[in-house]
Each structure stands twice: as C-alpha cells, then as structure tokens.
C-alpha cells in the first residue's frame, strides 16, 4: 500500500489489517517513497502482532 494517500488513511488501513480475525500469518507491506509526513515514524512505532488485536 502506498502511503502517499496520507498518514490518516495509512493508520486506518493498518488498524484494519491488524484487526482481522481468522488469519494467523500475513504481512502488510508499505512502500514509503520519501513521503513528507510522519509515515516513517508511525511505522516504526508499531510494535504489536495481529494476535494483539484479534481479541
């Protein structure tokens, strides 16, 4: 997913992916092509696994 759509939408998309149930193993790939917002900082701050959100 390209973060050029904006950090707000990236946060929503990542939260949605991590909130999915029924999937044990998946990846969310983000290609940050020099965005000028806080995309990189946000991605570095994610320290959870999908199991943390599947409750």
Protein backbone atom coordinates (compact mmCIF):
# COMPACT_ATOMS: atom_id res chain seq x y z
CA UNK A 1 0.00 0.00 0.00
CA UNK A 2 1.46 3.37 -0.91
CA UNK A 3 1.36 5.86 1.96
CA UNK A 4 1.10 8.77 -0.45
CA UNK A 5 -2.65 8.59 0.19
CA UNK A 6 -1.95 10.14 3.57
CA UNK A 7 -1.00 9.11 7.05
CA UNK A 8 -4.60 9.17 8.30
CA UNK A 9 -5.61 6.55 5.73
CA UNK A 10 -2.47 4.50 6.36
CA UNK A 11 -3.27 4.34 10.08
CA UNK A 12 -6.82 3.20 9.29
CA UNK A 13 -5.62 0.56 6.82
CA UNK A 14 -3.02 -0.85 9.22
CA UNK A 15 -5.53 -0.92 12.09
CA UNK A 16 -7.99 -2.74 9.86
CA UNK A 17 -5.39 -5.31 8.76
CA UNK A 18 -4.26 -5.94 12.34
CA UNK A 19 -7.87 -6.25 13.48
CA UNK A 20 -8.69 -9.10 11.10
CA UNK A 21 -9.52 -12.44 12.62
CA UNK A 22 -9.01 -15.89 11.16
CA UNK A 23 -5.57 -15.15 9.75
CA UNK A 24 -2.51 -16.36 11.61
CA UNK A 25 0.19 -15.30 9.21
CA UNK A 26 0.12 -12.26 6.95
CA UNK A 27 2.17 -9.22 6.03
CA UNK A 28 1.32 -5.60 5.39
CA UNK A 29 3.83 -4.09 3.00
CA UNK A 30 4.21 -0.33 2.89
CA UNK A 31 6.42 1.38 0.34
CA UNK A 32 7.40 4.81 1.59
CA UNK A 33 8.76 6.77 -1.35
CA UNK A 34 10.05 9.82 0.55
CA UNK A 35 6.71 10.92 1.97
CA UNK A 36 6.96 14.20 3.83
CA UNK A 37 4.59 13.38 6.67
CA UNK A 38 5.14 11.22 9.74
CA UNK A 39 4.69 7.92 7.88
CA UNK A 40 8.09 6.52 8.79
CA UNK A 41 7.76 7.48 12.47
CA UNK A 42 4.31 5.89 12.61
CA UNK A 43 5.52 2.64 11.02
CA UNK A 44 8.42 2.44 13.45
CA UNK A 45 6.02 2.87 16.37
CA UNK A 46 4.01 -0.27 15.56
CA UNK A 47 5.19 -2.92 17.99
CA UNK A 48 2.29 -5.32 18.08
CA UNK A 49 1.33 -8.55 16.40
CA UNK A 50 -2.01 -9.36 14.78
CA UNK A 51 -2.84 -11.54 17.79
CA UNK A 52 -2.75 -8.40 19.96
CA UNK A 53 -5.72 -7.01 18.03
CA UNK A 54 -7.72 -10.14 17.24
CA UNK A 55 -9.48 -10.26 20.59
